Protein backbone atom coordinates (compact mmCIF):
# COMPACT_ATOMS: atom_id res chain seq x y z
CA MET A 1 80.78 118.91 91.29
CA VAL A 2 83.61 120.61 93.57
CA ASN A 3 86.29 123.48 91.86
CA ARG A 4 89.00 124.75 93.29
CA ALA A 5 87.39 127.65 94.09
CA SER A 6 84.74 126.32 96.67
CA VAL A 7 87.64 124.29 98.13
CA ARG A 8 90.04 126.91 98.68
CA GLN A 9 87.44 129.14 100.41
CA GLN A 10 86.73 126.37 102.75
CA ILE A 11 90.32 126.26 103.35
CA MET A 12 90.75 129.91 104.01
CA LYS A 13 87.89 130.37 106.08
CA PRO A 14 88.54 132.65 109.20
CA GLY A 15 87.83 129.29 111.92
CA ASN A 16 90.48 127.38 111.08
CA LYS A 17 92.81 127.35 113.38
CA LYS A 18 96.63 125.84 114.04
CA LYS A 19 96.40 122.66 115.91
CA PRO A 20 98.23 122.55 119.74
CA LYS A 21 101.86 120.69 119.19
CA LEU A 22 101.79 116.98 119.23
CA GLY A 23 102.78 115.54 122.60
CA THR A 24 101.53 118.61 124.97
CA GLY A 25 98.54 116.77 126.01
CA LYS A 26 95.74 119.57 124.51
CA ARG A 27 94.84 117.49 121.58
CA PHE A 28 93.99 114.13 123.94
CA LYS A 29 92.04 116.53 126.28
CA ASP A 30 90.31 118.05 123.53
CA LEU A 31 88.68 115.26 122.49
CA ALA A 32 88.16 113.53 125.29
CA SER A 33 86.20 116.44 126.15
CA LYS A 34 84.35 116.65 122.92
CA LEU A 35 83.52 112.98 123.39
CA LYS A 36 82.27 113.24 126.84
CA LYS A 37 79.87 115.80 125.07
CA LYS A 38 78.75 113.36 122.95
CA GLY A 39 77.98 111.10 125.82
CA ALA A 40 80.71 108.19 125.46
CA LYS A 41 81.20 106.03 128.87
CA ASP A 42 84.90 106.59 128.93
CA PRO A 43 85.98 109.64 126.84
CA LYS A 44 89.47 109.30 127.54
CA ALA A 45 89.88 105.22 127.16
CA LEU A 46 88.26 106.11 123.90
CA ALA A 47 90.67 108.77 123.27
CA ALA A 48 93.15 106.72 123.71
CA TYR A 49 91.89 104.59 121.14
CA ILE A 50 91.58 106.55 118.49
CA GLY A 51 94.81 107.95 119.05
CA ARG A 52 96.47 104.20 118.69
CA ARG A 53 94.42 103.85 115.59
CA LYS A 54 95.96 107.36 114.06
CA TYR A 55 99.50 107.41 114.88
CA GLY A 56 100.13 103.47 115.51
CA PRO A 57 100.78 102.00 118.88
CA LYS A 58 104.64 102.84 118.84
CA LYS A 59 104.42 106.44 118.50
CA PHE A 60 101.24 107.07 120.62
CA ALA A 61 103.12 104.85 123.49
CA LYS A 62 105.96 107.74 122.70
CA LEU A 63 103.25 110.73 123.50
CA SER A 64 101.50 109.12 126.24
CA ALA A 65 105.06 108.88 128.12
CA LYS A 66 106.01 112.01 127.00
CA GLY A 67 102.23 113.49 128.59
CA GLN A 68 103.14 111.43 131.60
CA LYS A 69 106.37 113.44 132.31
CA LYS A 70 105.34 116.32 132.12
CA ARG A 71 102.99 115.69 134.58
CA ARG A 72 105.09 114.68 137.27
CA SER A 73 107.15 117.26 136.59
């Protein structure tokens, strides 16, 4: 059985860091590198698939366009 104290300890662990801001591309790169370490054939495609499932096609397309604008600049 899980009690509040054990859940609170898990949440308050010093290893919990904030994620990078959405739309910077850092989260995508981190996920792709993690998938590559696990042996994915095409980690960027898999990361994009996961992102579309998590955020939905519309929002993920906006994030992708935002990332490509930054890359071109």
